[in-house]
Each structure stands twice: as C-alpha cells, then as structure tokens.
Amino acid sequence: MKVILDIQDNRVPFFMELVKSLDYISVLKEVKDRKKSEAIQDLAEAFNDVKLHQEGKKQLKSAKDLLDEL
C-alpha cells in the first residue's frame, strides 16, 4: 500500500527518522520540491475523484462541459 503524507516542514526530520527505524516501511522516494509535491497531491486527488466516480459516489463533469467552460 502507498500513502501520501503532508508533514509540517519543521517536523520532517523527526518523522523521517521514525519511519526509517521501522523495518516494515520502505521509503521509496522523498519529494522535497514544493511544486512537485503539489503536483503529486493534485494527481492523487484526481485519482481519488475518479475512484469515487466509478463507485457512483461523485458526479464528474463531462469533457464537453469542461470544453464549454473554456
């Protein structure tokens, strides 16, 4: 399972030390660039929206509606 976390900047060193001490967690990649981090968060939210739409829990706009807004 993958998890995306948003950690306060001043707590990151403590958190990373804690996570690395746990043998059942592997740190695959640390994203330090704020813009990349925000892009990843936006993408994760988009995937969650698609999942909710597939489950019938959220209504998404059609491509035609999106183009009409432009």
Protein backbone atom coordinates (compact mmCIF):
# COMPACT_ATOMS: atom_id res chain seq x y z
CA MET A 1 0.00 0.00 0.00
CA LYS A 2 1.18 3.51 -0.78
CA VAL A 3 0.41 6.55 1.37
CA ILE A 4 0.97 10.23 0.62
CA LEU A 5 1.50 12.44 3.65
CA ASP A 6 1.77 16.19 4.09
CA ILE A 7 4.09 16.90 7.04
CA GLN A 8 4.90 20.27 8.56
CA ASP A 9 8.39 21.32 7.46
CA ASN A 10 9.71 21.62 10.99
CA ARG A 11 8.64 18.03 11.82
CA VAL A 12 10.03 16.26 8.74
CA PRO A 13 13.44 15.26 10.19
CA PHE A 14 11.82 13.65 13.25
CA PHE A 15 9.19 11.89 11.14
CA MET A 16 11.73 10.57 8.63
CA GLU A 17 13.94 9.25 11.42
CA LEU A 18 10.93 7.49 12.92
CA VAL A 19 9.80 5.99 9.61
CA LYS A 20 13.28 4.77 8.68
CA SER A 21 13.56 3.00 12.04
CA LEU A 22 10.56 0.80 11.19
CA ASP A 23 11.63 -2.35 9.35
CA TYR A 24 8.26 -2.83 7.65
CA ILE A 25 8.31 0.56 5.87
CA SER A 26 10.42 1.36 2.82
CA VAL A 27 10.96 4.99 1.82
CA LEU A 28 10.77 4.81 -1.97
CA LYS A 29 11.32 8.48 -2.71
CA GLU A 30 11.35 11.77 -0.87
CA VAL A 31 9.93 14.72 -2.79
CA LYS A 32 11.47 17.92 -1.49
CA ASP A 33 10.48 20.30 -4.28
CA ARG A 34 7.24 22.05 -3.25
CA LYS A 35 5.90 22.35 -6.82
CA LYS A 36 6.45 18.65 -7.49
CA SER A 37 4.86 17.85 -4.16
CA GLU A 38 1.79 19.90 -5.02
CA ALA A 39 1.55 18.26 -8.45
CA ILE A 40 1.67 14.82 -6.84
CA GLN A 41 -1.04 15.84 -4.37
CA ASP A 42 -3.24 17.17 -7.19
CA LEU A 43 -2.78 13.93 -9.13
CA ALA A 44 -3.64 11.83 -6.07
CA GLU A 45 -6.82 13.87 -5.57
CA ALA A 46 -7.74 13.39 -9.25
CA PHE A 47 -7.31 9.62 -8.96
CA ASN A 48 -9.46 9.64 -5.83
CA ASP A 49 -12.15 11.60 -7.70
CA VAL A 50 -12.12 9.00 -10.49
CA LYS A 51 -12.40 6.19 -7.95
CA LEU A 52 -15.37 7.90 -6.25
CA HIS A 53 -16.99 8.45 -9.65
CA GLN A 54 -16.61 4.77 -10.55
CA GLU A 55 -18.22 3.84 -7.22
CA GLY A 56 -21.12 6.19 -8.01
CA LYS A 57 -20.31 8.46 -5.07
CA LYS A 58 -19.28 11.54 -7.07
CA GLN A 59 -20.53 13.13 -10.27
CA LEU A 60 -17.82 14.46 -12.59
CA LYS A 61 -18.17 16.93 -15.44
CA SER A 62 -18.14 15.62 -18.96
CA ALA A 63 -15.38 16.58 -21.39
CA LYS A 64 -17.94 18.66 -23.29
CA ASP A 65 -18.79 20.63 -20.13
CA LEU A 66 -15.13 21.27 -19.46
CA LEU A 67 -14.54 22.50 -23.01
CA ASP A 68 -17.63 24.73 -22.84
CA GLU A 69 -16.15 26.44 -19.77
CA LEU A 70 -13.08 27.42 -21.78
